[in-house]
């Protein structure tokens, strides 16, 4: 069986809901706080590919850093957005759940059902 990894920020309400749902379902999983164990560019890119998304699709647009960097007003490439996400983890939507060759952005938390 494929290992399940939840990439999260522990103080995030949605992340806590996802972890609780997995525990209540008896699912064995590993949590990775990507603020303590930052994403490598390769890892984040791999997760985005597994989710069949682009970096711009998982940007947290309500974050202070998003507004401070004026990302909306600039024409960043997807690779530049990925670099910004590595530098500023607040820009990454969460939680991201990885299971084998699949990954999902668990927003809303009910999306975890898609992995089972």
PDB file of N, CA and C in Angstrom:
ATOM      1  N   UNK A   1       0.840  -1.186   0.000  1.00  0.00           N
ATOM      2  CA  UNK A   1       0.000   0.000   0.000  1.00  0.00           C
ATOM      3  C   UNK A   1       0.884   1.249   0.000  1.00  0.00           C
ATOM      4  N   UNK A   2       0.469   2.244  -0.752  1.00  0.00           N
ATOM      5  CA  UNK A   2       1.236   3.471  -0.846  1.00  0.00           C
ATOM      6  C   UNK A   2       1.164   4.268   0.452  1.00  0.00           C
ATOM      7  N   UNK A   3       2.298   4.827   0.822  1.00  0.00           N
ATOM      8  CA  UNK A   3       2.374   5.685   2.000  1.00  0.00           C
ATOM      9  C   UNK A   3       1.614   6.979   1.724  1.00  0.00           C
ATOM     10  N   UNK A   4       0.948   7.492   2.739  1.00  0.00           N
ATOM     11  CA  UNK A   4       0.216   8.752   2.620  1.00  0.00           C
ATOM     12  C   UNK A   4       0.982   9.812   3.395  1.00  0.00           C
ATOM     13  N   UNK A   5       1.240  10.926   2.726  1.00  0.00           N
ATOM     14  CA  UNK A   5       1.934  12.043   3.358  1.00  0.00           C
ATOM     15  C   UNK A   5       1.060  13.279   3.240  1.00  0.00           C
ATOM     16  N   UNK A   6       0.888  13.971   4.361  1.00  0.00           N
ATOM     17  CA  UNK A   6       0.116  15.207   4.393  1.00  0.00           C
ATOM     18  C   UNK A   6       1.094  16.356   4.619  1.00  0.00           C
ATOM     19  N   UNK A   7       1.172  17.242   3.642  1.00  0.00           N
ATOM     20  CA  UNK A   7       2.022  18.435   3.749  1.00  0.00           C
ATOM     21  C   UNK A   7       1.140  19.547   4.288  1.00  0.00           C
ATOM     22  N   UNK A   8       1.516  20.063   5.452  1.00  0.00           N
ATOM     23  CA  UNK A   8       0.610  20.944   6.177  1.00  0.00           C
ATOM     24  C   UNK A   8       1.318  22.043   6.944  1.00  0.00           C
ATOM     25  N   UNK A   9       0.482  22.943   7.452  1.00  0.00           N
ATOM     26  CA  UNK A   9       0.864  23.911   8.464  1.00  0.00           C
ATOM     27  C   UNK A   9      -0.026  23.549   9.662  1.00  0.00           C
ATOM     28  N   UNK A  10       0.563  23.094  10.775  1.00  0.00           N
ATOM     29  CA  UNK A  10      -0.236  22.575  11.888  1.00  0.00           C
ATOM     30  C   UNK A  10      -1.291  23.531  12.449  1.00  0.00           C
ATOM     31  N   UNK A  11      -1.106  24.830  12.297  1.00  0.00           N
ATOM     32  CA  UNK A  11      -2.085  25.777  12.828  1.00  0.00           C
ATOM     33  C   UNK A  11      -3.254  26.023  11.866  1.00  0.00           C
ATOM     34  N   UNK A  12      -3.190  25.448  10.682  1.00  0.00           N
ATOM     35  CA  UNK A  12      -4.230  25.620   9.660  1.00  0.00           C
ATOM     36  C   UNK A  12      -5.453  24.777  10.016  1.00  0.00           C
ATOM     37  N   UNK A  13      -6.611  25.400  10.064  1.00  0.00           N
ATOM     38  CA  UNK A  13      -7.855  24.709  10.409  1.00  0.00           C
ATOM     39  C   UNK A  13      -8.159  23.574   9.437  1.00  0.00           C
ATOM     40  N   UNK A  14      -8.013  23.820   8.140  1.00  0.00           N
ATOM     41  CA  UNK A  14      -8.288  22.784   7.152  1.00  0.00           C
ATOM     42  C   UNK A  14      -7.326  21.613   7.323  1.00  0.00           C
ATOM     43  N   UNK A  15      -6.071  21.898   7.598  1.00  0.00           N
ATOM     44  CA  UNK A  15      -5.076  20.834   7.817  1.00  0.00           C
ATOM     45  C   UNK A  15      -5.476  19.969   9.017  1.00  0.00           C
ATOM     46  N   UNK A  16      -5.924  20.620  10.082  1.00  0.00           N
ATOM     47  CA  UNK A  16      -6.336  19.865  11.278  1.00  0.00           C
ATOM     48  C   UNK A  16      -7.563  19.008  10.979  1.00  0.00           C
ATOM     49  N   UNK A  17      -8.501  19.515  10.194  1.00  0.00           N
ATOM     50  CA  UNK A  17      -9.694  18.743   9.825  1.00  0.00           C
ATOM     51  C   UNK A  17      -9.319  17.506   9.014  1.00  0.00           C
ATOM     52  N   UNK A  18      -8.389  17.682   8.083  1.00  0.00           N
ATOM     53  CA  UNK A  18      -7.938  16.565   7.253  1.00  0.00           C
ATOM     54  C   UNK A  18      -7.258  15.505   8.118  1.00  0.00           C
ATOM     55  N   UNK A  19      -6.362  15.930   9.002  1.00  0.00           N
ATOM     56  CA  UNK A  19      -5.662  14.983   9.882  1.00  0.00           C
ATOM     57  C   UNK A  19      -6.664  14.234  10.760  1.00  0.00           C
ATOM     58  N   UNK A  20      -7.636  14.940  11.297  1.00  0.00           N
ATOM     59  CA  UNK A  20      -8.658  14.318  12.147  1.00  0.00           C
ATOM     60  C   UNK A  20      -9.456  13.285  11.351  1.00  0.00           C
ATOM     61  N   UNK A  21      -9.855  13.621  10.143  1.00  0.00           N
ATOM     62  CA  UNK A  21     -10.622  12.695   9.303  1.00  0.00           C
ATOM     63  C   UNK A  21      -9.815  11.440   8.987  1.00  0.00           C
ATOM     64  N   UNK A  22      -8.524  11.602   8.699  1.00  0.00           N
ATOM     65  CA  UNK A  22      -7.678  10.446   8.415  1.00  0.00           C
ATOM     66  C   UNK A  22      -7.523   9.558   9.646  1.00  0.00           C
ATOM     67  N   UNK A  23      -7.310  10.171  10.813  1.00  0.00           N
ATOM     68  CA  UNK A  23      -7.182   9.415  12.065  1.00  0.00           C
ATOM     69  C   UNK A  23      -8.483   8.651  12.351  1.00  0.00           C
ATOM     70  N   UNK A  24      -9.613   9.346  12.212  1.00  0.00           N
ATOM     71  CA  UNK A  24     -10.912   8.715  12.479  1.00  0.00           C
ATOM     72  C   UNK A  24     -11.213   7.582  11.512  1.00  0.00           C
ATOM     73  N   UNK A  25     -10.627   7.639  10.322  1.00  0.00           N
ATOM     74  CA  UNK A  25     -10.818   6.576   9.329  1.00  0.00           C
ATOM     75  C   UNK A  25      -9.818   5.443   9.512  1.00  0.00           C
ATOM     76  N   UNK A  26      -8.917   5.592  10.476  1.00  0.00           N
ATOM     77  CA  UNK A  26      -7.921   4.559  10.730  1.00  0.00           C
ATOM     78  C   UNK A  26      -6.815   4.515   9.692  1.00  0.00           C
ATOM     79  N   UNK A  27      -6.606   5.612   9.003  1.00  0.00           N
ATOM     80  CA  UNK A  27      -5.591   5.678   7.958  1.00  0.00           C
ATOM     81  C   UNK A  27      -4.242   6.051   8.575  1.00  0.00           C
ATOM     82  N   UNK A  28      -3.219   5.284   8.226  1.00  0.00           N
ATOM     83  CA  UNK A  28      -1.866   5.565   8.682  1.00  0.00           C
ATOM     84  C   UNK A  28      -1.249   6.594   7.731  1.00  0.00           C
ATOM     85  N   UNK A  29      -0.744   7.679   8.279  1.00  0.00           N
ATOM     86  CA  UNK A  29      -0.163   8.715   7.432  1.00  0.00           C
ATOM     87  C   UNK A  29       0.940   9.438   8.173  1.00  0.00           C
ATOM     88  N   UNK A  30       1.751  10.129   7.394  1.00  0.00           N
ATOM     89  CA  UNK A  30       2.843  10.934   7.934  1.00  0.00           C
ATOM     90  C   UNK A  30       2.507  12.396   7.683  1.00  0.00           C
ATOM     91  N   UNK A  31       2.788  13.241   8.665  1.00  0.00           N
ATOM     92  CA  UNK A  31       2.581  14.676   8.509  1.00  0.00           C
ATOM     93  C   UNK A  31       3.933  15.337   8.284  1.00  0.00           C
ATOM     94  N   UNK A  32       3.961  16.284   7.363  1.00  0.00           N
ATOM     95  CA  UNK A  32       5.162  17.075   7.128  1.00  0.00           C
ATOM     96  C   UNK A  32       4.775  18.547   7.248  1.00  0.00           C
ATOM     97  N   UNK A  33       5.350  19.198   8.237  1.00  0.00           N
ATOM     98  CA  UNK A  33       5.153  20.636   8.408  1.00  0.00           C
ATOM     99  C   UNK A  33       6.158  21.303   7.477  1.00  0.00           C
ATOM    100  N   UNK A  34       5.678  21.824   6.347  1.00  0.00           N
ATOM    101  CA  UNK A  34       6.612  22.365   5.358  1.00  0.00           C
ATOM    102  C   UNK A  34       7.194  23.720   5.747  1.00  0.00           C
ATOM    103  N   UNK A  35       6.860  24.194   6.927  1.00  0.00           N
ATOM    104  CA  UNK A  35       7.533  25.381   7.462  1.00  0.00           C
ATOM    105  C   UNK A  35       8.809  24.957   8.199  1.00  0.00           C
ATOM    106  N   UNK A  36       8.800  23.740   8.742  1.00  0.00           N
ATOM    107  CA  UNK A  36       9.975  23.204   9.431  1.00  0.00           C
ATOM    108  C   UNK A  36      10.844  22.403   8.454  1.00  0.00           C
ATOM    109  N   UNK A  37      10.188  21.638   7.595  1.00  0.00           N
ATOM    110  CA  UNK A  37      10.872  20.859   6.556  1.00  0.00           C
ATOM    111  C   UNK A  37      10.465  21.436   5.209  1.00  0.00           C
ATOM    112  N   UNK A  38      11.121  22.516   4.767  1.00  0.00           N
ATOM    113  CA  UNK A  38      10.691  23.201   3.545  1.00  0.00           C
ATOM    114  C   UNK A  38      10.719  22.308   2.305  1.00  0.00           C
ATOM    115  N   UNK A  39       9.815  22.616   1.378  1.00  0.00           N
ATOM    116  CA  UNK A  39       9.809  21.925   0.089  1.00  0.00           C
ATOM    117  C   UNK A  39      11.085  22.250  -0.669  1.00  0.00           C
ATOM    118  N   UNK A  40      11.614  21.251  -1.341  1.00  0.00           N
ATOM    119  CA  UNK A  40      12.631  21.528  -2.356  1.00  0.00           C
ATOM    120  C   UNK A  40      11.838  21.902  -3.603  1.00  0.00           C
ATOM    121  N   UNK A  41      12.476  22.561  -4.521  1.00  0.00           N
ATOM    122  CA  UNK A  41      11.783  22.927  -5.757  1.00  0.00           C
ATOM    123  C   UNK A  41      11.327  21.664  -6.491  1.00  0.00           C
ATOM    124  N   UNK A  42      12.185  20.647  -6.501  1.00  0.00           N
ATOM    125  CA  UNK A  42      11.859  19.384  -7.162  1.00  0.00           C
ATOM    126  C   UNK A  42      10.633  18.729  -6.529  1.00  0.00           C
ATOM    127  N   UNK A  43      10.573  18.719  -5.204  1.00  0.00           N
ATOM    128  CA  UNK A  43       9.454  18.077  -4.509  1.00  0.00           C
ATOM    129  C   UNK A  43       8.151  18.814  -4.758  1.00  0.00           C
ATOM    130  N   UNK A  44       8.161  20.133  -4.622  1.00  0.00           N
ATOM    131  CA  UNK A  44       6.929  20.891  -4.832  1.00  0.00           C
ATOM    132  C   UNK A  44       6.464  20.754  -6.282  1.00  0.00           C
ATOM    133  N   UNK A  45       7.399  20.801  -7.207  1.00  0.00           N
ATOM    134  CA  UNK A  45       7.048  20.641  -8.622  1.00  0.00           C
ATOM    135  C   UNK A  45       6.431  19.262  -8.863  1.00  0.00           C
ATOM    136  N   UNK A  46       7.000  18.239  -8.254  1.00  0.00           N
ATOM    137  CA  UNK A  46       6.488  16.877  -8.373  1.00  0.00           C
ATOM    138  C   UNK A  46       5.053  16.773  -7.842  1.00  0.00           C
ATOM    139  N   UNK A  47       4.790  17.390  -6.682  1.00  0.00           N
ATOM    140  CA  UNK A  47       3.444  17.372  -6.112  1.00  0.00           C
ATOM    141  C   UNK A  47       2.447  18.084  -7.026  1.00  0.00           C
ATOM    142  N   UNK A  48       2.858  19.210  -7.587  1.00  0.00           N
ATOM    143  CA  UNK A  48       1.982  19.974  -8.476  1.00  0.00           C
ATOM    144  C   UNK A  48       1.659  19.159  -9.733  1.00  0.00           C
ATOM    145  N   UNK A  49       2.656  18.467 -10.272  1.00  0.00           N
ATOM    146  CA  UNK A  49       2.434  17.603 -11.437  1.00  0.00           C
ATOM    147  C   UNK A  49       1.461  16.472 -11.069  1.00  0.00           C
ATOM    148  N   UNK A  50       1.663  15.865  -9.905  1.00  0.00           N
ATOM    149  CA  UNK A  50       0.774  14.778  -9.463  1.00  0.00           C
ATOM    150  C   UNK A  50      -0.666  15.262  -9.276  1.00  0.00           C
ATOM    151  N   UNK A  51      -0.821  16.544  -8.916  1.00  0.00           N
ATOM    152  CA  UNK A  51      -2.162  17.109  -8.746  1.00  0.00           C
ATOM    153  C   UNK A  51      -2.762  17.551 -10.078  1.00  0.00           C
ATOM    154  N   UNK A  52      -1.945  17.468 -11.155  1.00  0.00           N
ATOM    155  CA  UNK A  52      -2.369  17.924 -12.484  1.00  0.00           C
ATOM    156  C   UNK A  52      -2.785  19.398 -12.440  1.00  0.00           C
ATOM    157  N   UNK A  53      -1.944  20.183 -11.785  1.00  0.00           N
ATOM    158  CA  UNK A  53      -2.203  21.611 -11.635  1.00  0.00           C
ATOM    159  C   UNK A  53      -0.961  22.398 -12.052  1.00  0.00           C
ATOM    160  N   UNK A  54      -1.097  23.718 -12.031  1.00  0.00           N
ATOM    161  CA  UNK A  54       0.030  24.621 -12.271  1.00  0.00           C
ATOM    162  C   UNK A  54       0.303  25.362 -10.970  1.00  0.00           C
ATOM    163  N   UNK A  55       1.535  25.831 -10.767  1.00  0.00           N
ATOM    164  CA  UNK A  55       1.824  26.580  -9.544  1.00  0.00           C
ATOM    165  C   UNK A  55       0.831  27.723  -9.280  1.00  0.00           C
ATOM    166  N   UNK A  56       0.451  28.437 -10.328  1.00  0.00           N
ATOM    167  CA  UNK A  56      -0.473  29.561 -10.139  1.00  0.00           C
ATOM    168  C   UNK A  56      -1.835  29.126  -9.595  1.00  0.00           C
ATOM    169  N   UNK A  57      -2.184  27.855  -9.794  1.00  0.00           N
ATOM    170  CA  UNK A  57      -3.482  27.349  -9.330  1.00  0.00           C
ATOM    171  C   UNK A  57      -3.485  27.009  -7.838  1.00  0.00           C
ATOM    172  N   UNK A  58      -2.313  26.937  -7.231  1.00  0.00           N
ATOM    173  CA  UNK A  58      -2.282  26.631  -5.795  1.00  0.00           C
ATOM    174  C   UNK A  58      -1.714  27.793  -4.974  1.00  0.00           C
ATOM    175  N   UNK A  59      -1.739  28.970  -5.558  1.00  0.00           N
ATOM    176  CA  UNK A  59      -1.300  30.170  -4.839  1.00  0.00           C
ATOM    177  C   UNK A  59      -2.349  30.599  -3.821  1.00  0.00           C
ATOM    178  N   UNK A  60      -1.901  30.938  -2.636  1.00  0.00           N
ATOM    179  CA  UNK A  60      -2.794  31.516  -1.609  1.00  0.00           C
ATOM    180  C   UNK A  60      -2.830  33.026  -1.855  1.00  0.00           C
ATOM    181  N   UNK A  61      -3.903  33.487  -2.461  1.00  0.00           N
ATOM    182  CA  UNK A  61      -3.988  34.876  -2.908  1.00  0.00           C
ATOM    183  C   UNK A  61      -4.414  35.846  -1.821  1.00  0.00           C
ATOM    184  N   UNK A  62      -4.832  35.352  -0.664  1.00  0.00           N
ATOM    185  CA  UNK A  62      -5.238  36.252   0.418  1.00  0.00           C
ATOM    186  C   UNK A  62      -4.130  36.506   1.434  1.00  0.00           C
ATOM    187  N   UNK A  63      -2.974  35.945   1.190  1.00  0.00           N
ATOM    188  CA  UNK A  63      -1.854  36.107   2.118  1.00  0.00           C
ATOM    189  C   UNK A  63      -1.218  37.494   1.973  1.00  0.00           C
ATOM    190  N   UNK A  64      -0.708  37.997   3.075  1.00  0.00           N
ATOM    191  CA  UNK A  64      -0.031  39.304   3.072  1.00  0.00           C
ATOM    192  C   UNK A  64       1.118  39.334   2.076  1.00  0.00           C
ATOM    193  N   UNK A  65       1.890  38.247   2.035  1.00  0.00           N
ATOM    194  CA  UNK A  65       3.062  38.206   1.159  1.00  0.00           C
ATOM    195  C   UNK A  65       2.647  38.261  -0.313  1.00  0.00           C
ATOM    196  N   UNK A  66       1.529  37.658  -0.649  1.00  0.00           N
ATOM    197  CA  UNK A  66       1.012  37.710  -2.025  1.00  0.00           C
ATOM    198  C   UNK A  66       0.765  39.162  -2.423  1.00  0.00           C
ATOM    199  N   UNK A  67       0.124  39.885  -1.511  1.00  0.00           N
ATOM    200  CA  UNK A  67      -0.190  41.298  -1.774  1.00  0.00           C
ATOM    201  C   UNK A  67       1.071  42.160  -1.741  1.00  0.00           C
ATOM    202  N   UNK A  68       1.963  41.872  -0.801  1.00  0.00           N
ATOM    203  CA  UNK A  68       3.199  42.650  -0.679  1.00  0.00           C
ATOM    204  C   UNK A  68       4.077  42.508  -1.922  1.00  0.00           C
ATOM    205  N   UNK A  69       4.112  41.316  -2.489  1.00  0.00           N
ATOM    206  CA  UNK A  69       4.928  41.079  -3.685  1.00  0.00           C
ATOM    207  C   UNK A  69       4.215  41.527  -4.967  1.00  0.00           C
ATOM    208  N   UNK A  70       2.940  41.935  -4.823  1.00  0.00           N
ATOM    209  CA  UNK A  70       2.141  42.386  -5.977  1.00  0.00           C
ATOM    210  C   UNK A  70       2.121  41.341  -7.091  1.00  0.00           C
ATOM    211  N   UNK A  71       1.980  40.090  -6.692  1.00  0.00           N
ATOM    212  CA  UNK A  71       2.000  38.982  -7.662  1.00  0.00           C
ATOM    213  C   UNK A  71       0.907  39.149  -8.715  1.00  0.00           C
ATOM    214  N   UNK A  72      -0.242  39.594  -8.287  1.00  0.00           N
ATOM    215  CA  UNK A  72      -1.375  39.776  -9.204  1.00  0.00           C
ATOM    216  C   UNK A  72      -1.033  40.755 -10.329  1.00  0.00           C
ATOM    217  N   UNK A  73      -0.234  41.748 -10.017  1.00  0.00           N
ATOM    218  CA  UNK A  73       0.078  42.809 -10.977  1.00  0.00           C
ATOM    219  C   UNK A  73       1.277  42.494 -11.868  1.00  0.00           C
ATOM    220  N   UNK A  74       1.930  41.387 -11.597  1.00  0.00           N
ATOM    221  CA  UNK A  74       3.131  41.048 -12.365  1.00  0.00           C
ATOM    222  C   UNK A  74       2.857  39.823 -13.225  1.00  0.00           C
ATOM    223  N   UNK A  75       3.628  39.699 -14.259  1.00  0.00           N
ATOM    224  CA  UNK A  75       3.436  38.593 -15.184  1.00  0.00           C
ATOM    225  C   UNK A  75       4.497  37.516 -14.938  1.00  0.00           C
ATOM    226  N   UNK A  76       4.395  36.855 -13.779  1.00  0.00           N
ATOM    227  CA  UNK A  76       5.362  35.817 -13.429  1.00  0.00           C
ATOM    228  C   UNK A  76       5.110  34.550 -14.248  1.00  0.00           C
ATOM    229  N   UNK A  77       6.184  33.887 -14.614  1.00  0.00           N
ATOM    230  CA  UNK A  77       6.049  32.571 -15.251  1.00  0.00           C
ATOM    231  C   UNK A  77       5.694  31.553 -14.168  1.00  0.00           C
ATOM    232  N   UNK A  78       5.237  30.382 -14.583  1.00  0.00           N
ATOM    233  CA  UNK A  78       4.909  29.328 -13.618  1.00  0.00           C
ATOM    234  C   UNK A  78       6.154  28.940 -12.817  1.00  0.00           C
ATOM    235  N   UNK A  79       7.308  28.922 -13.464  1.00  0.00           N
ATOM    236  CA  UNK A  79       8.555  28.580 -12.775  1.00  0.00           C
ATOM    237  C   UNK A  79       8.921  29.653 -11.740  1.00  0.00           C
ATOM    238  N   UNK A  80       8.691  30.913 -12.069  1.00  0.00           N
ATOM    239  CA  UNK A  80       8.953  31.993 -11.112  1.00  0.00           C
ATOM    240  C   UNK A  80       7.990  31.901  -9.915  1.00  0.00           C
ATOM    241  N   UNK A  81       6.746  31.543 -10.186  1.00  0.00           N
ATOM    242  CA  UNK A  81       5.774  31.367  -9.098  1.00  0.00           C
ATOM    243  C   UNK A  81       6.225  30.231  -8.191  1.00  0.00           C
ATOM    244  N   UNK A  82       6.699  29.155  -8.796  1.00  0.00           N
ATOM    245  CA  UNK A  82       7.219  28.023  -8.017  1.00  0.00           C
ATOM    246  C   UNK A  82       8.377  28.481  -7.127  1.00  0.00           C
ATOM    247  N   UNK A  83       9.286  29.281  -7.670  1.00  0.00           N
ATOM    248  CA  UNK A  83      10.410  29.805  -6.880  1.00  0.00           C
ATOM    249  C   UNK A  83       9.910  30.656  -5.704  1.00  0.00           C
ATOM    250  N   UNK A  84       8.887  31.479  -5.954  1.00  0.00           N
ATOM    251  CA  UNK A  84       8.315  32.301  -4.879  1.00  0.00           C
ATOM    252  C   UNK A  84       7.702  31.428  -3.786  1.00  0.00           C
ATOM    253  N   UNK A  85       7.057  30.342  -4.187  1.00  0.00           N
ATOM    254  CA  UNK A  85       6.452  29.427  -3.207  1.00  0.00           C
ATOM    255  C   UNK A  85       7.511  28.747  -2.336  1.00  0.00           C
ATOM    256  N   UNK A  86       8.654  28.463  -2.927  1.00  0.00           N
ATOM    257  CA  UNK A  86       9.754  27.864  -2.167  1.00  0.00           C
ATOM    258  C   UNK A  86      10.283  28.883  -1.153  1.00  0.00           C
ATOM    259  N   UNK A  87      10.426  30.109  -1.600  1.00  0.00           N
ATOM    260  CA  UNK A  87      10.954  31.164  -0.732  1.00  0.00           C
ATOM    261  C   UNK A  87       9.951  31.593   0.332  1.00  0.00           C
ATOM    262  N   UNK A  88       8.666  31.614  -0.025  1.00  0.00           N
ATOM    263  CA  UNK A  88       7.594  32.067   0.880  1.00  0.00           C
ATOM    264  C   UNK A  88       6.525  30.974   0.995  1.00  0.00           C
ATOM    265  N   UNK A  89       6.692  30.043   1.926  1.00  0.00           N
ATOM    266  CA  UNK A  89       5.749  28.919   2.027  1.00  0.00           C
ATOM    267  C   UNK A  89       4.297  29.334   2.304  1.00  0.00           C
ATOM    268  N   UNK A  90       4.078  30.552   2.792  1.00  0.00           N
ATOM    269  CA  UNK A  90       2.699  31.016   2.989  1.00  0.00           C
ATOM    270  C   UNK A  90       1.932  31.087   1.669  1.00  0.00           C
ATOM    271  N   UNK A  91       2.627  31.097   0.560  1.00  0.00           N
ATOM    272  CA  UNK A  91       1.968  31.179  -0.745  1.00  0.00           C
ATOM    273  C   UNK A  91       1.378  29.847  -1.213  1.00  0.00           C
ATOM    274  N   UNK A  92       1.725  28.757  -0.533  1.00  0.00           N
ATOM    275  CA  UNK A  92       1.285  27.424  -0.964  1.00  0.00           C
ATOM    276  C   UNK A  92      -0.041  27.061  -0.309  1.00  0.00           C
ATOM    277  N   UNK A  93      -1.045  26.754  -1.161  1.00  0.00           N
ATOM    278  CA  UNK A  93      -2.325  26.253  -0.636  1.00  0.00           C
ATOM    279  C   UNK A  93      -2.064  24.940   0.092  1.00  0.00           C
ATOM    280  N   UNK A  94      -2.853  24.687   1.102  1.00  0.00           N
ATOM    281  CA  UNK A  94      -2.660  23.482   1.913  1.00  0.00           C
ATOM    282  C   UNK A  94      -3.993  22.961   2.410  1.00  0.00           C
ATOM    283  N   UNK A  95      -4.015  21.740   2.868  1.00  0.00           N
ATOM    284  CA  UNK A  95      -2.957  20.725   2.855  1.00  0.00           C
ATOM    285  C   UNK A  95      -2.874  20.026   1.499  1.00  0.00           C
ATOM    286  N   UNK A  96      -1.685  19.546   1.213  1.00  0.00           N
ATOM    287  CA  UNK A  96      -1.468  18.714   0.030  1.00  0.00           C
ATOM    288  C   UNK A  96      -1.267  17.299   0.549  1.00  0.00           C
ATOM    289  N   UNK A  97      -2.003  16.368  -0.023  1.00  0.00           N
ATOM    290  CA  UNK A  97      -1.896  14.969   0.394  1.00  0.00           C
ATOM    291  C   UNK A  97      -1.355  14.165  -0.768  1.00  0.00           C
ATOM    292  N   UNK A  98      -0.303  13.410  -0.485  1.00  0.00           N
ATOM    293  CA  UNK A  98       0.345  12.590  -1.504  1.00  0.00           C
ATOM    294  C   UNK A  98       0.164  11.125  -1.159  1.00  0.00           C
ATOM    295  N   UNK A  99      -0.239  10.357  -2.163  1.00  0.00           N
ATOM    296  CA  UNK A  99      -0.360   8.903  -2.011  1.00  0.00           C
ATOM    297  C   UNK A  99       0.134   8.279  -3.302  1.00  0.00           C
ATOM    298  N   UNK A 100       1.346   7.738  -3.247  1.00  0.00           N
ATOM    299  CA  UNK A 100       1.923   7.115  -4.442  1.00  0.00           C
ATOM    300  C   UNK A 100       2.081   8.102  -5.578  1.00  0.00           C
ATOM    301  N   UNK A 101       1.447   7.777  -6.710  1.00  0.00           N
ATOM    302  CA  UNK A 101       1.576   8.622  -7.906  1.00  0.00           C
ATOM    303  C   UNK A 101       0.496   9.693  -7.977  1.00  0.00           C
ATOM    304  N   UNK A 102      -0.306   9.806  -6.913  1.00  0.00           N
ATOM    305  CA  UNK A 102      -1.368  10.807  -6.892  1.00  0.00           C
ATOM    306  C   UNK A 102      -1.134  11.807  -5.770  1.00  0.00           C
ATOM    307  N   UNK A 103      -1.649  12.990  -5.971  1.00  0.00           N
ATOM    308  CA  UNK A 103      -1.644  14.008  -4.912  1.00  0.00           C
ATOM    309  C   UNK A 103      -2.875  14.870  -5.133  1.00  0.00           C
ATOM    310  N   UNK A 104      -3.404  15.393  -4.040  1.00  0.00           N
ATOM    311  CA  UNK A 104      -4.550  16.292  -4.123  1.00  0.00           C
ATOM    312  C   UNK A 104      -4.335  17.486  -3.200  1.00  0.00           C
ATOM    313  N   UNK A 105      -4.974  18.560  -3.554  1.00  0.00           N
ATOM    314  CA  UNK A 105      -5.089  19.703  -2.656  1.00  0.00           C
ATOM    315  C   UNK A 105      -6.393  19.474  -1.911  1.00  0.00           C
ATOM    316  N   UNK A 106      -6.301  19.206  -0.617  1.00  0.00           N
ATOM    317  CA  UNK A 106      -7.480  18.822   0.168  1.00  0.00           C
ATOM    318  C   UNK A 106      -8.262  20.043   0.637  1.00  0.00           C
ATOM    319  N   UNK A 107      -8.725  20.816  -0.313  1.00  0.00           N
ATOM    320  CA  UNK A 107      -9.586  21.969  -0.058  1.00  0.00           C
ATOM    321  C   UNK A 107     -10.788  21.822  -0.951  1.00  0.00           C
ATOM    322  N   UNK A 108     -11.930  21.537  -0.433  1.00  0.00           N
ATOM    323  CA  UNK A 108     -12.263  21.329   0.970  1.00  0.00           C
ATOM    324  C   UNK A 108     -11.743  19.975   1.462  1.00  0.00           C
ATOM    325  N   UNK A 109     -11.735  19.769   2.787  1.00  0.00           N
ATOM    326  CA  UNK A 109     -11.179  18.540   3.364  1.00  0.00           C
ATOM    327  C   UNK A 109     -11.826  17.260   2.832  1.00  0.00           C
ATOM    328  N   UNK A 110     -13.066  17.327   2.397  1.00  0.00           N
ATOM    329  CA  UNK A 110     -13.758  16.142   1.890  1.00  0.00           C
ATOM    330  C   UNK A 110     -13.090  15.554   0.645  1.00  0.00           C
ATOM    331  N   UNK A 111     -12.245  16.318   0.012  1.00  0.00           N
ATOM    332  CA  UNK A 111     -11.547  15.828  -1.193  1.00  0.00           C
ATOM    333  C   UNK A 111     -10.644  14.624  -0.899  1.00  0.00           C
ATOM    334  N   UNK A 112     -10.321  14.373   0.368  1.00  0.00           N
ATOM    335  CA  UNK A 112      -9.442  13.240   0.682  1.00  0.00           C
ATOM    336  C   UNK A 112     -10.049  11.925   0.210  1.00  0.00           C
ATOM    337  N   UNK A 113     -11.360  11.878   0.075  1.00  0.00           N
ATOM    338  CA  UNK A 113     -12.031  10.652  -0.405  1.00  0.00           C
ATOM    339  C   UNK A 113     -11.537  10.258  -1.791  1.00  0.00           C
ATOM    340  N   UNK A 114     -11.064  11.228  -2.556  1.00  0.00           N
ATOM    341  CA  UNK A 114     -10.585  10.952  -3.912  1.00  0.00           C
ATOM    342  C   UNK A 114      -9.358  10.036  -3.928  1.00  0.00           C
ATOM    343  N   UNK A 115      -8.661   9.940  -2.821  1.00  0.00           N
ATOM    344  CA  UNK A 115      -7.456   9.099  -2.757  1.00  0.00           C
ATOM    345  C   UNK A 115      -7.767   7.647  -2.411  1.00  0.00           C
ATOM    346  N   UNK A 116      -9.010   7.373  -2.010  1.00  0.00           N
ATOM    347  CA  UNK A 116      -9.336   6.008  -1.547  1.00  0.00           C
ATOM    348  C   UNK A 116     -10.365   5.338  -2.425  1.00  0.00           C
TER     349      UNK A 116
END
